[in-house]
Structures are given as C-alpha cells and as structure tokens.
Amino acid sequence: MAVPQYDKLVPSIIQCLGDEQTHTLKELKEYCAKVFQLTESEQNETLSCGQNRLLNRVGWAKAYLKKAGLIESPQKAHFRLTDEGRKAFCSGAECVTLEYLKQYDSFNDFLGKNYPASIPSEPASISTAKSPQEQIDTALAELNDELADDLMTEIMKISPYEFEKLVVKLLIAMGYGKMEENADAVTPKAGDEGIDGIVSADKFGFDAIYIQAKQWKTDSVIGRPEIQKFLGALAGQGASKGIFITTAQFSKEAVAYAAKQLQCKIVLVDGKQLAKLMIDFNLGVSPVATYTIKRIDSDFFSEDV
C-alpha cells in the first residue's frame, strides 16, 4: 500500500506511545511502518527535497499531537504521552483523529493561524480557494510555526547563562557590532546591577545597547514592575537604549509603559518574537530545502530582443 497520509498516522503514534515509554521519531516511524505493513521500498520513498516521505508524515502527525498537548518532548527528538495523551489512549487510540484534536484550544489556535476553514487532509493542503502562491505562503507559515515551537523547547533546556549568551549572539547576527568586539558582552553575575549584557549598537561601537534576558516559563507574564526595574538599571548605567528579551510574554501594561518612555528607548521581545528572529537570522536553525519560484521574463520576449 502507499505511504498513509499524515492524519492516518495519528492513532498509531498514540498507540506506540501508550506503553508509557519515551520513543524517538525513528521508532515512531518504524512502528507506523509495521502497523501499515509498508514494504521496504515504500519506507524508503523520498520527497523532492530528499527527505524520507514516511518520516516527514510521521513528523507532521507528531507535530499536530504536540500542538494539541497530547504528547511532549522531554529531550531532543524523544517523545512521550502527556496526562491528556494518556486519557486519549485509554479512550481508544483509534478515536484520536484530527477532528478529535479540535477539542483542544491550543490546536485550534494553531490551525487558526494557518487555515481559514476546515482541517486539511495534508499539512498546508491544496485548497481551490487559494492560489498556488497562497498555498506556498500557508505551508511556509505552518513550517515556521512548528519550527518556532521546537526552538522554544530547546531554548528552555539550556541554562540561564547560556540563554543570555544566546541573546547576545542573536543581536550580533542582527548586525549589532561584531563577535570580537562583543566577546565579553554577557556581564558577570556578581555586580551586574540588573544588566545581563551589553552590545555595541553599531560596528564602530559609538553607542551601546543594554540587555535584560529572562528565561521564564513560556506561559508566564512579565508585568510593568519588571520593566520599571530594568528602566532603573538603565538609568544607573546612564544608558539610553535597552532591550528586554524573554521566553515569556509581556502584559499590556508592560508594553504600554515601555512605549511611552521618551528619555530611554526600551524594546520588548517576547518568546514568539525571539523564535521568529532566530529563524529569520538563522540562529539555531539550518535550511533543509530551498525552492525557487520563477516567472516569465517579459524583457526577454520584448520586440527589442
């Protein structure tokens, strides 16, 4: 038989993880191949980009279950059921379909970003209501959304000090100074006076940007008091520019307070923005496939040619 669509693999993944063990993506693939009795040839099919077709579809099924909160990743590329996932398993793995996942707000929020209507039969599925370009845009949005989620999982596993260094690397990747000039950008814990790092605002070092980096739980909210503390720390340094980067979220009051500061410019970057910036500037990620979209060159066919 042909390699099943990714949604058909969802129950099998729940079934595999129902043994209360942690499994790798490879193990999930092998389990699905056994369930669907795929031949070696079918298991080795590849996409145009060279990625294994079955592994790709198992990955998407895993991603959707993760979005719904039924599975989690305790370590890189390893997965297990959550409490909610165990409930689903006990109710019958065969009942866990994409329609079943719609009962979870986190899954619906994810779908709402990428799809205006019903659940597709394939990730970024072809819709007659969308042009081919729109379909590509939708696919890219979904890929980046899943990548951002995986990035945040990895970020939360590093130490607070490593997180501060990551933030500095990101700013340098964005063009703020050079690595040699910012080798000691992360300030020592002792006596840091509320400042986690300092990078030059330009390649000549004429100005500086002071950093506050908070590796807090992604669902926690940073309020106005934390921004006021940071503003006080900036004032103590005689600084005029600061950036507060966190894995958490900012309250509306915190955002409004930062926006109205005139003497000292403060930029707030939450977890979602952090992941997006890392993707945009290729920090912690690497490209796996590149697609080129071409159009007719009208000048080539002009009468003057």
C-alpha atoms as a PDB file:
ATOM      1  CA  MET A   1       0.000   0.000   0.000  1.00  0.00           C
ATOM      2  CA  ALA A   2       1.038   3.630  -0.394  1.00  0.00           C
ATOM      3  CA  VAL A   3       2.516   5.603   2.493  1.00  0.00           C
ATOM      4  CA  PRO A   4      -0.523   6.779   4.534  1.00  0.00           C
ATOM      5  CA  GLN A   5      -1.441  10.455   4.755  1.00  0.00           C
ATOM      6  CA  TYR A   6      -0.119  12.046   7.940  1.00  0.00           C
ATOM      7  CA  ASP A   7      -3.557  12.216   9.617  1.00  0.00           C
ATOM      8  CA  LYS A   8      -3.918   8.434   9.293  1.00  0.00           C
ATOM      9  CA  LEU A   9      -0.738   8.029  11.348  1.00  0.00           C
ATOM     10  CA  VAL A  10      -2.027   9.937  14.375  1.00  0.00           C
ATOM     11  CA  PRO A  11      -3.751   6.948  16.096  1.00  0.00           C
ATOM     12  CA  SER A  12      -0.709   4.730  15.533  1.00  0.00           C
ATOM     13  CA  ILE A  13       1.574   7.237  17.267  1.00  0.00           C
ATOM     14  CA  ILE A  14      -0.760   7.353  20.268  1.00  0.00           C
ATOM     15  CA  GLN A  15      -0.789   3.549  20.277  1.00  0.00           C
ATOM     16  CA  CYS A  16       3.013   3.363  20.132  1.00  0.00           C
ATOM     17  CA  LEU A  17       3.457   5.821  22.998  1.00  0.00           C
ATOM     18  CA  GLY A  18       0.789   4.045  25.022  1.00  0.00           C
ATOM     19  CA  ASP A  19       3.447   1.773  26.511  1.00  0.00           C
ATOM     20  CA  GLU A  20       4.395   4.695  28.812  1.00  0.00           C
ATOM     21  CA  GLN A  21       7.910   4.765  27.351  1.00  0.00           C
ATOM     22  CA  THR A  22       9.770   7.574  25.583  1.00  0.00           C
ATOM     23  CA  HIS A  23      10.285   6.938  21.880  1.00  0.00           C
ATOM     24  CA  THR A  24      12.367   8.579  19.169  1.00  0.00           C
ATOM     25  CA  LEU A  25      10.969   9.790  15.870  1.00  0.00           C
ATOM     26  CA  LYS A  26      12.718   6.862  14.179  1.00  0.00           C
ATOM     27  CA  GLU A  27      10.959   4.415  16.485  1.00  0.00           C
ATOM     28  CA  LEU A  28       7.598   6.039  15.751  1.00  0.00           C
ATOM     29  CA  LYS A  29       8.329   5.688  12.033  1.00  0.00           C
ATOM     30  CA  GLU A  30       9.224   2.022  12.397  1.00  0.00           C
ATOM     31  CA  TYR A  31       6.059   1.366  14.414  1.00  0.00           C
ATOM     32  CA  CYS A  32       3.856   3.025  11.778  1.00  0.00           C
ATOM     33  CA  ALA A  33       5.596   1.097   9.006  1.00  0.00           C
ATOM     34  CA  LYS A  34       4.800  -2.148  10.838  1.00  0.00           C
ATOM     35  CA  VAL A  35       1.168  -1.197  11.501  1.00  0.00           C
ATOM     36  CA  PHE A  36       0.543  -0.320   7.867  1.00  0.00           C
ATOM     37  CA  GLN A  37       2.684  -3.204   6.602  1.00  0.00           C
ATOM     38  CA  LEU A  38       4.756  -0.970   4.339  1.00  0.00           C
ATOM     39  CA  THR A  39       7.298  -2.569   2.062  1.00  0.00           C
ATOM     40  CA  GLU A  40      10.967  -1.599   2.251  1.00  0.00           C
ATOM     41  CA  SER A  41      10.537   0.317  -0.999  1.00  0.00           C
ATOM     42  CA  GLU A  42       7.595   2.274   0.411  1.00  0.00           C
ATOM     43  CA  GLN A  43       9.506   3.007   3.610  1.00  0.00           C
ATOM     44  CA  ASN A  44      12.383   4.419   1.565  1.00  0.00           C
ATOM     45  CA  GLU A  45      10.316   6.773  -0.622  1.00  0.00           C
ATOM     46  CA  THR A  46      11.598  10.356  -0.607  1.00  0.00           C
ATOM     47  CA  LEU A  47      10.159  13.792  -1.257  1.00  0.00           C
ATOM     48  CA  SER A  48      11.566  16.078  -3.950  1.00  0.00           C
ATOM     49  CA  CYS A  49      13.761  17.734  -1.309  1.00  0.00           C
ATOM     50  CA  GLY A  50      15.298  14.350  -0.453  1.00  0.00           C
ATOM     51  CA  GLN A  51      13.586  13.845   2.917  1.00  0.00           C
ATOM     52  CA  ASN A  52      12.074  10.441   3.688  1.00  0.00           C
ATOM     53  CA  ARG A  53       8.326  10.577   2.937  1.00  0.00           C
ATOM     54  CA  LEU A  54       7.201   8.381   5.831  1.00  0.00           C
ATOM     55  CA  LEU A  55       9.437  10.176   8.332  1.00  0.00           C
ATOM     56  CA  ASN A  56       8.068  13.511   7.098  1.00  0.00           C
ATOM     57  CA  ARG A  57       4.461  12.406   7.599  1.00  0.00           C
ATOM     58  CA  VAL A  58       5.170  10.860  10.990  1.00  0.00           C
ATOM     59  CA  GLY A  59       6.787  14.181  11.921  1.00  0.00           C
ATOM     60  CA  TRP A  60       3.671  16.122  10.966  1.00  0.00           C
ATOM     61  CA  ALA A  61       1.385  13.736  12.849  1.00  0.00           C
ATOM     62  CA  LYS A  62       3.664  14.139  15.868  1.00  0.00           C
ATOM     63  CA  ALA A  63       3.606  17.917  15.486  1.00  0.00           C
ATOM     64  CA  TYR A  64      -0.203  18.054  15.488  1.00  0.00           C
ATOM     65  CA  LEU A  65      -0.417  15.854  18.576  1.00  0.00           C
ATOM     66  CA  LYS A  66       2.107  18.114  20.279  1.00  0.00           C
ATOM     67  CA  LYS A  67       0.103  21.212  19.367  1.00  0.00           C
ATOM     68  CA  ALA A  68      -2.960  19.615  20.968  1.00  0.00           C
ATOM     69  CA  GLY A  69      -0.975  18.830  24.118  1.00  0.00           C
ATOM     70  CA  LEU A  70      -1.248  15.036  23.868  1.00  0.00           C
ATOM     71  CA  ILE A  71       2.492  14.412  23.586  1.00  0.00           C
ATOM     72  CA  GLU A  72       5.598  16.186  24.848  1.00  0.00           C
ATOM     73  CA  SER A  73       9.325  16.127  24.213  1.00  0.00           C
ATOM     74  CA  PRO A  74      11.347  15.591  27.417  1.00  0.00           C
ATOM     75  CA  GLN A  75      14.542  15.743  25.357  1.00  0.00           C
ATOM     76  CA  LYS A  76      15.536  16.421  21.763  1.00  0.00           C
ATOM     77  CA  ALA A  77      13.804  14.092  19.263  1.00  0.00           C
ATOM     78  CA  HIS A  78      12.251  11.978  22.049  1.00  0.00           C
ATOM     79  CA  PHE A  79       8.509  11.889  22.739  1.00  0.00           C
ATOM     80  CA  ARG A  80       6.024  10.572  25.278  1.00  0.00           C
ATOM     81  CA  LEU A  81       2.353  10.946  26.175  1.00  0.00           C
ATOM     82  CA  THR A  82       1.183  13.734  28.467  1.00  0.00           C
ATOM     83  CA  ASP A  83      -1.577  13.200  31.024  1.00  0.00           C
ATOM     84  CA  GLU A  84      -4.067  14.284  28.368  1.00  0.00           C
ATOM     85  CA  GLY A  85      -2.453  11.899  25.899  1.00  0.00           C
ATOM     86  CA  ARG A  86      -2.819   9.003  28.325  1.00  0.00           C
ATOM     87  CA  LYS A  87      -6.521   9.815  28.679  1.00  0.00           C
ATOM     88  CA  ALA A  88      -6.855   9.687  24.904  1.00  0.00           C
ATOM     89  CA  PHE A  89      -5.018   6.369  24.780  1.00  0.00           C
ATOM     90  CA  CYS A  90      -7.293   4.868  27.429  1.00  0.00           C
ATOM     91  CA  SER A  91     -10.328   6.074  25.478  1.00  0.00           C
ATOM     92  CA  GLY A  92      -9.062   4.224  22.409  1.00  0.00           C
ATOM     93  CA  ALA A  93      -6.181   5.296  20.191  1.00  0.00           C
ATOM     94  CA  GLU A  94      -8.257   4.740  17.046  1.00  0.00           C
ATOM     95  CA  CYS A  95     -10.560   7.572  18.144  1.00  0.00           C
ATOM     96  CA  VAL A  96      -7.718  10.117  18.122  1.00  0.00           C
ATOM     97  CA  THR A  97      -8.270  11.847  14.789  1.00  0.00           C
ATOM     98  CA  LEU A  98      -7.753  15.429  13.662  1.00  0.00           C
ATOM     99  CA  GLU A  99     -11.418  16.035  14.448  1.00  0.00           C
ATOM    100  CA  TYR A 100     -10.763  14.732  17.967  1.00  0.00           C
ATOM    101  CA  LEU A 101      -7.892  17.205  18.373  1.00  0.00           C
ATOM    102  CA  LYS A 102     -10.218  20.128  17.691  1.00  0.00           C
ATOM    103  CA  GLN A 103     -11.486  19.946  21.268  1.00  0.00           C
ATOM    104  CA  TYR A 104      -8.185  21.496  22.398  1.00  0.00           C
ATOM    105  CA  ASP A 105      -7.814  25.284  22.265  1.00  0.00           C
ATOM    106  CA  SER A 106      -4.059  25.098  21.604  1.00  0.00           C
ATOM    107  CA  PHE A 107      -4.710  23.012  18.483  1.00  0.00           C
ATOM    108  CA  ASN A 108      -7.448  25.344  17.263  1.00  0.00           C
ATOM    109  CA  ASP A 109      -5.207  28.355  17.850  1.00  0.00           C
ATOM    110  CA  PHE A 110      -2.529  26.716  15.715  1.00  0.00           C
ATOM    111  CA  LEU A 111      -4.992  25.936  12.924  1.00  0.00           C
ATOM    112  CA  GLY A 112      -6.415  29.445  13.109  1.00  0.00           C
ATOM    113  CA  LYS A 113      -3.039  30.923  12.174  1.00  0.00           C
ATOM    114  CA  ASN A 114      -2.755  28.880   9.019  1.00  0.00           C
ATOM    115  CA  TYR A 115      -6.195  27.799   7.849  1.00  0.00           C
ATOM    116  CA  PRO A 116      -9.342  29.875   7.376  1.00  0.00           C
ATOM    117  CA  ALA A 117     -11.705  26.919   7.193  1.00  0.00           C
ATOM    118  CA  SER A 118     -11.690  23.190   7.960  1.00  0.00           C
ATOM    119  CA  ILE A 119      -8.823  20.870   8.841  1.00  0.00           C
ATOM    120  CA  PRO A 120      -6.913  19.810   5.736  1.00  0.00           C
ATOM    121  CA  SER A 121      -6.099  16.247   4.731  1.00  0.00           C
ATOM    122  CA  GLU A 122      -2.427  17.216   4.373  1.00  0.00           C
ATOM    123  CA  PRO A 123      -0.319  19.902   6.070  1.00  0.00           C
ATOM    124  CA  ALA A 124      -0.834  23.063   4.027  1.00  0.00           C
ATOM    125  CA  SER A 125      -3.233  21.114   1.828  1.00  0.00           C
ATOM    126  CA  ILE A 126      -4.270  22.302  -1.594  1.00  0.00           C
ATOM    127  CA  SER A 127      -7.387  24.421  -1.479  1.00  0.00           C
ATOM    128  CA  THR A 128      -9.311  25.571  -4.511  1.00  0.00           C
ATOM    129  CA  ALA A 129      -9.977  28.835  -2.690  1.00  0.00           C
ATOM    130  CA  LYS A 130      -6.273  29.657  -2.661  1.00  0.00           C
ATOM    131  CA  SER A 131      -3.857  30.459  -5.421  1.00  0.00           C
ATOM    132  CA  PRO A 132      -0.668  28.336  -5.654  1.00  0.00           C
ATOM    133  CA  GLN A 133       1.319  31.245  -4.193  1.00  0.00           C
ATOM    134  CA  GLU A 134      -1.069  31.472  -1.239  1.00  0.00           C
ATOM    135  CA  GLN A 135      -0.726  27.736  -0.680  1.00  0.00           C
ATOM    136  CA  ILE A 136       3.056  28.104  -0.538  1.00  0.00           C
ATOM    137  CA  ASP A 137       2.733  31.000   1.921  1.00  0.00           C
ATOM    138  CA  THR A 138       0.425  28.911   4.106  1.00  0.00           C
ATOM    139  CA  ALA A 139       2.829  25.977   4.014  1.00  0.00           C
ATOM    140  CA  LEU A 140       5.773  28.192   4.969  1.00  0.00           C
ATOM    141  CA  ALA A 141       3.794  29.723   7.838  1.00  0.00           C
ATOM    142  CA  GLU A 142       2.990  26.277   9.198  1.00  0.00           C
ATOM    143  CA  LEU A 143       6.559  25.052   8.845  1.00  0.00           C
ATOM    144  CA  ASN A 144       7.921  28.098  10.660  1.00  0.00           C
ATOM    145  CA  ASP A 145       5.287  27.835  13.377  1.00  0.00           C
ATOM    146  CA  GLU A 146       6.283  24.263  14.128  1.00  0.00           C
ATOM    147  CA  LEU A 147       9.986  25.182  13.948  1.00  0.00           C
ATOM    148  CA  ALA A 148       9.425  28.053  16.399  1.00  0.00           C
ATOM    149  CA  ASP A 149       7.729  25.653  18.800  1.00  0.00           C
ATOM    150  CA  ASP A 150      10.660  23.235  18.605  1.00  0.00           C
ATOM    151  CA  LEU A 151      13.126  26.095  19.024  1.00  0.00           C
ATOM    152  CA  MET A 152      11.438  27.249  22.223  1.00  0.00           C
ATOM    153  CA  THR A 153      11.543  23.687  23.579  1.00  0.00           C
ATOM    154  CA  GLU A 154      15.314  23.619  23.054  1.00  0.00           C
ATOM    155  CA  ILE A 155      15.808  27.127  24.466  1.00  0.00           C
ATOM    156  CA  MET A 156      14.075  26.165  27.694  1.00  0.00           C
ATOM    157  CA  LYS A 157      16.560  23.315  28.199  1.00  0.00           C
ATOM    158  CA  ILE A 158      19.694  25.497  28.306  1.00  0.00           C
ATOM    159  CA  SER A 159      20.986  27.264  31.419  1.00  0.00           C
ATOM    160  CA  PRO A 160      20.051  30.909  32.172  1.00  0.00           C
ATOM    161  CA  TYR A 161      23.656  31.936  31.468  1.00  0.00           C
ATOM    162  CA  GLU A 162      23.621  30.135  28.118  1.00  0.00           C
ATOM    163  CA  PHE A 163      20.344  31.887  27.349  1.00  0.00           C
ATOM    164  CA  GLU A 164      21.997  35.257  27.952  1.00  0.00           C
ATOM    165  CA  LYS A 165      24.797  34.290  25.557  1.00  0.00           C
ATOM    166  CA  LEU A 166      22.193  33.172  23.007  1.00  0.00           C
ATOM    167  CA  VAL A 167      20.532  36.590  23.177  1.00  0.00           C
ATOM    168  CA  VAL A 168      23.866  38.313  22.572  1.00  0.00           C
ATOM    169  CA  LYS A 169      24.590  36.020  19.601  1.00  0.00           C
ATOM    170  CA  LEU A 170      21.201  36.901  18.143  1.00  0.00           C
ATOM    171  CA  LEU A 171      21.849  40.637  18.395  1.00  0.00           C
ATOM    172  CA  ILE A 172      25.249  40.200  16.786  1.00  0.00           C
ATOM    173  CA  ALA A 173      23.652  38.134  13.998  1.00  0.00           C
ATOM    174  CA  MET A 174      21.242  41.032  13.507  1.00  0.00           C
ATOM    175  CA  GLY A 175      24.165  43.367  12.880  1.00  0.00           C
ATOM    176  CA  TYR A 176      24.838  44.938  16.256  1.00  0.00           C
ATOM    177  CA  GLY A 177      28.609  45.053  16.381  1.00  0.00           C
ATOM    178  CA  LYS A 178      30.949  42.124  15.759  1.00  0.00           C
ATOM    179  CA  MET A 179      31.637  38.989  17.751  1.00  0.00           C
ATOM    180  CA  GLU A 180      35.214  40.049  18.513  1.00  0.00           C
ATOM    181  CA  GLU A 181      34.015  43.359  19.917  1.00  0.00           C
ATOM    182  CA  ASN A 182      31.290  41.669  21.959  1.00  0.00           C
ATOM    183  CA  ALA A 183      33.201  38.626  23.229  1.00  0.00           C
ATOM    184  CA  ASP A 184      32.543  39.718  26.818  1.00  0.00           C
ATOM    185  CA  ALA A 185      29.049  41.047  26.132  1.00  0.00           C
ATOM    186  CA  VAL A 186      27.428  38.911  28.841  1.00  0.00           C
ATOM    187  CA  THR A 187      28.002  40.605  32.186  1.00  0.00           C
ATOM    188  CA  PRO A 188      29.254  38.627  35.207  1.00  0.00           C
ATOM    189  CA  LYS A 189      26.519  37.603  37.653  1.00  0.00           C
ATOM    190  CA  ALA A 190      28.265  39.300  40.528  1.00  0.00           C
ATOM    191  CA  GLY A 191      27.537  43.002  40.451  1.00  0.00           C
ATOM    192  CA  ASP A 192      25.703  43.026  37.134  1.00  0.00           C
ATOM    193  CA  GLU A 193      23.378  45.746  38.554  1.00  0.00           C
ATOM    194  CA  GLY A 194      20.351  44.400  36.692  1.00  0.00           C
ATOM    195  CA  ILE A 195      22.071  44.279  33.301  1.00  0.00           C
ATOM    196  CA  ASP A 196      22.634  40.875  31.672  1.00  0.00           C
ATOM    197  CA  GLY A 197      24.662  42.021  28.696  1.00  0.00           C
ATOM    198  CA  ILE A 198      25.905  44.922  26.608  1.00  0.00           C
ATOM    199  CA  VAL A 199      26.485  45.017  22.842  1.00  0.00           C
ATOM    200  CA  SER A 200      27.600  47.835  20.600  1.00  0.00           C
ATOM    201  CA  ALA A 201      24.758  49.460  18.689  1.00  0.00           C
ATOM    202  CA  ASP A 202      26.896  49.734  15.562  1.00  0.00           C
ATOM    203  CA  LYS A 203      30.052  48.209  14.127  1.00  0.00           C
ATOM    204  CA  PHE A 204      32.184  51.142  15.335  1.00  0.00           C
ATOM    205  CA  GLY A 205      30.995  50.957  18.920  1.00  0.00           C
ATOM    206  CA  PHE A 206      29.762  54.562  19.142  1.00  0.00           C
ATOM    207  CA  ASP A 207      26.747  53.545  21.214  1.00  0.00           C
ATOM    208  CA  ALA A 208      25.682  50.600  23.346  1.00  0.00           C
ATOM    209  CA  ILE A 209      22.553  48.540  23.885  1.00  0.00           C
ATOM    210  CA  TYR A 210      21.958  47.158  27.363  1.00  0.00           C
ATOM    211  CA  ILE A 211      20.287  43.774  27.647  1.00  0.00           C
ATOM    212  CA  GLN A 212      17.913  42.141  30.088  1.00  0.00           C
ATOM    213  CA  ALA A 213      17.378  38.435  29.323  1.00  0.00           C
ATOM    214  CA  LYS A 214      14.777  36.429  31.228  1.00  0.00           C
ATOM    215  CA  GLN A 215      14.389  32.702  30.614  1.00  0.00           C
ATOM    216  CA  TRP A 216      10.991  32.273  32.228  1.00  0.00           C
ATOM    217  CA  LYS A 217       8.213  29.764  31.566  1.00  0.00           C
ATOM    218  CA  THR A 218       6.660  30.434  28.183  1.00  0.00           C
ATOM    219  CA  ASP A 219       3.158  30.861  29.626  1.00  0.00           C
ATOM    220  CA  SER A 220       4.245  33.284  32.357  1.00  0.00           C
ATOM    221  CA  VAL A 221       3.559  37.012  32.035  1.00  0.00           C
ATOM    222  CA  ILE A 222       6.023  39.823  32.697  1.00  0.00           C
ATOM    223  CA  GLY A 223       4.310  42.891  34.102  1.00  0.00           C
ATOM    224  CA  ARG A 224       5.103  46.569  34.355  1.00  0.00           C
ATOM    225  CA  PRO A 225       7.170  46.281  37.601  1.00  0.00           C
ATOM    226  CA  GLU A 226       9.878  44.261  35.816  1.00  0.00           C
ATOM    227  CA  ILE A 227      10.113  46.898  33.079  1.00  0.00           C
ATOM    228  CA  GLN A 228      10.381  49.622  35.712  1.00  0.00           C
ATOM    229  CA  LYS A 229      13.263  47.746  37.346  1.00  0.00           C
ATOM    230  CA  PHE A 230      15.008  47.488  34.002  1.00  0.00           C
ATOM    231  CA  LEU A 231      14.484  51.195  33.372  1.00  0.00           C
ATOM    232  CA  GLY A 232      16.053  51.911  36.753  1.00  0.00           C
ATOM    233  CA  ALA A 233      19.039  49.714  35.886  1.00  0.00           C
ATOM    234  CA  LEU A 234      19.469  51.589  32.602  1.00  0.00           C
ATOM    235  CA  ALA A 235      19.338  54.908  34.411  1.00  0.00           C
ATOM    236  CA  GLY A 236      22.017  53.665  36.796  1.00  0.00           C
ATOM    237  CA  GLN A 237      24.263  52.996  33.804  1.00  0.00           C
ATOM    238  CA  GLY A 238      23.478  56.302  32.141  1.00  0.00           C
ATOM    239  CA  ALA A 239      22.145  54.280  29.215  1.00  0.00           C
ATOM    240  CA  SER A 240      19.641  55.445  26.610  1.00  0.00           C
ATOM    241  CA  LYS A 241      18.890  52.124  24.863  1.00  0.00           C
ATOM    242  CA  GLY A 242      17.744  48.829  26.294  1.00  0.00           C
ATOM    243  CA  ILE A 243      16.260  45.589  25.052  1.00  0.00           C
ATOM    244  CA  PHE A 244      14.298  43.208  27.259  1.00  0.00           C
ATOM    245  CA  ILE A 245      14.218  39.717  25.723  1.00  0.00           C
ATOM    246  CA  THR A 246      12.329  36.841  27.297  1.00  0.00           C
ATOM    247  CA  THR A 247      10.878  33.410  26.597  1.00  0.00           C
ATOM    248  CA  ALA A 248       7.706  34.539  28.364  1.00  0.00           C
ATOM    249  CA  GLN A 249       5.009  37.081  27.442  1.00  0.00           C
ATOM    250  CA  PHE A 250       4.538  40.762  28.302  1.00  0.00           C
ATOM    251  CA  SER A 251       1.387  42.195  29.810  1.00  0.00           C
ATOM    252  CA  LYS A 252      -0.422  45.034  28.008  1.00  0.00           C
ATOM    253  CA  GLU A 253       0.586  47.356  30.850  1.00  0.00           C
ATOM    254  CA  ALA A 254       4.248  46.436  30.416  1.00  0.00           C
ATOM    255  CA  VAL A 255       4.103  47.080  26.658  1.00  0.00           C
ATOM    256  CA  ALA A 256       2.321  50.415  27.154  1.00  0.00           C
ATOM    257  CA  TYR A 257       4.802  51.525  29.814  1.00  0.00           C
ATOM    258  CA  ALA A 258       7.819  50.729  27.626  1.00  0.00           C
ATOM    259  CA  ALA A 259       6.272  52.508  24.648  1.00  0.00           C
ATOM    260  CA  LYS A 260       5.778  55.814  26.447  1.00  0.00           C
ATOM    261  CA  GLN A 261       9.393  56.164  27.622  1.00  0.00           C
ATOM    262  CA  LEU A 262      10.969  59.127  25.833  1.00  0.00           C
ATOM    263  CA  GLN A 263      14.328  59.565  27.530  1.00  0.00           C
ATOM    264  CA  CYS A 264      15.265  55.894  27.288  1.00  0.00           C
ATOM    265  CA  LYS A 265      14.242  53.675  24.391  1.00  0.00           C
ATOM    266  CA  ILE A 266      13.194  50.183  25.544  1.00  0.00           C
ATOM    267  CA  VAL A 267      12.387  47.386  23.101  1.00  0.00           C
ATOM    268  CA  LEU A 268      10.457  44.347  24.333  1.00  0.00           C
ATOM    269  CA  VAL A 269      10.878  40.942  22.657  1.00  0.00           C
ATOM    270  CA  ASP A 270       8.695  38.062  23.859  1.00  0.00           C
ATOM    271  CA  GLY A 271       9.122  34.338  23.277  1.00  0.00           C
ATOM    272  CA  LYS A 272       7.287  34.241  19.955  1.00  0.00           C
ATOM    273  CA  GLN A 273       9.270  37.181  18.590  1.00  0.00           C
ATOM    274  CA  LEU A 274      12.507  35.631  19.848  1.00  0.00           C
ATOM    275  CA  ALA A 275      11.857  32.381  17.972  1.00  0.00           C
ATOM    276  CA  LYS A 276      10.897  34.282  14.817  1.00  0.00           C
ATOM    277  CA  LEU A 277      14.071  36.356  14.938  1.00  0.00           C
ATOM    278  CA  MET A 278      16.195  33.253  15.403  1.00  0.00           C
ATOM    279  CA  ILE A 279      14.572  31.711  12.326  1.00  0.00           C
ATOM    280  CA  ASP A 280      14.919  34.911  10.288  1.00  0.00           C
ATOM    281  CA  PHE A 281      18.619  35.245  11.150  1.00  0.00           C
ATOM    282  CA  ASN A 282      19.450  31.512  11.007  1.00  0.00           C
ATOM    283  CA  LEU A 283      20.460  31.152  14.637  1.00  0.00           C
ATOM    284  CA  GLY A 284      19.993  27.643  15.965  1.00  0.00           C
ATOM    285  CA  VAL A 285      18.373  26.515  12.711  1.00  0.00           C
ATOM    286  CA  SER A 286      19.636  25.360   9.339  1.00  0.00           C
ATOM    287  CA  PRO A 287      17.936  25.149   5.928  1.00  0.00           C
ATOM    288  CA  VAL A 288      16.896  21.711   4.684  1.00  0.00           C
ATOM    289  CA  ALA A 289      15.415  22.647   1.304  1.00  0.00           C
ATOM    290  CA  THR A 290      15.267  25.670  -0.986  1.00  0.00           C
ATOM    291  CA  TYR A 291      12.561  26.230  -3.580  1.00  0.00           C
ATOM    292  CA  THR A 292      12.829  28.857  -6.303  1.00  0.00           C
ATOM    293  CA  ILE A 293       9.659  30.385  -7.755  1.00  0.00           C
ATOM    294  CA  LYS A 294      10.106  31.680 -11.291  1.00  0.00           C
ATOM    295  CA  ARG A 295       8.023  33.833 -13.620  1.00  0.00           C
ATOM    296  CA  ILE A 296       8.190  34.898 -17.238  1.00  0.00           C
ATOM    297  CA  ASP A 297      10.891  37.448 -18.036  1.00  0.00           C
ATOM    298  CA  SER A 298       8.899  39.917 -20.133  1.00  0.00           C
ATOM    299  CA  ASP A 299      12.024  41.778 -21.244  1.00  0.00           C
ATOM    300  CA  PHE A 300      13.407  38.604 -22.805  1.00  0.00           C
ATOM    301  CA  PHE A 301      10.403  38.366 -25.105  1.00  0.00           C
ATOM    302  CA  SER A 302      10.174  42.065 -25.961  1.00  0.00           C
ATOM    303  CA  GLU A 303      10.498  43.164 -29.597  1.00  0.00           C
ATOM    304  CA  ASP A 304      13.889  44.707 -28.895  1.00  0.00           C
ATOM    305  CA  VAL A 305      15.475  41.330 -28.139  1.00  0.00           C
END
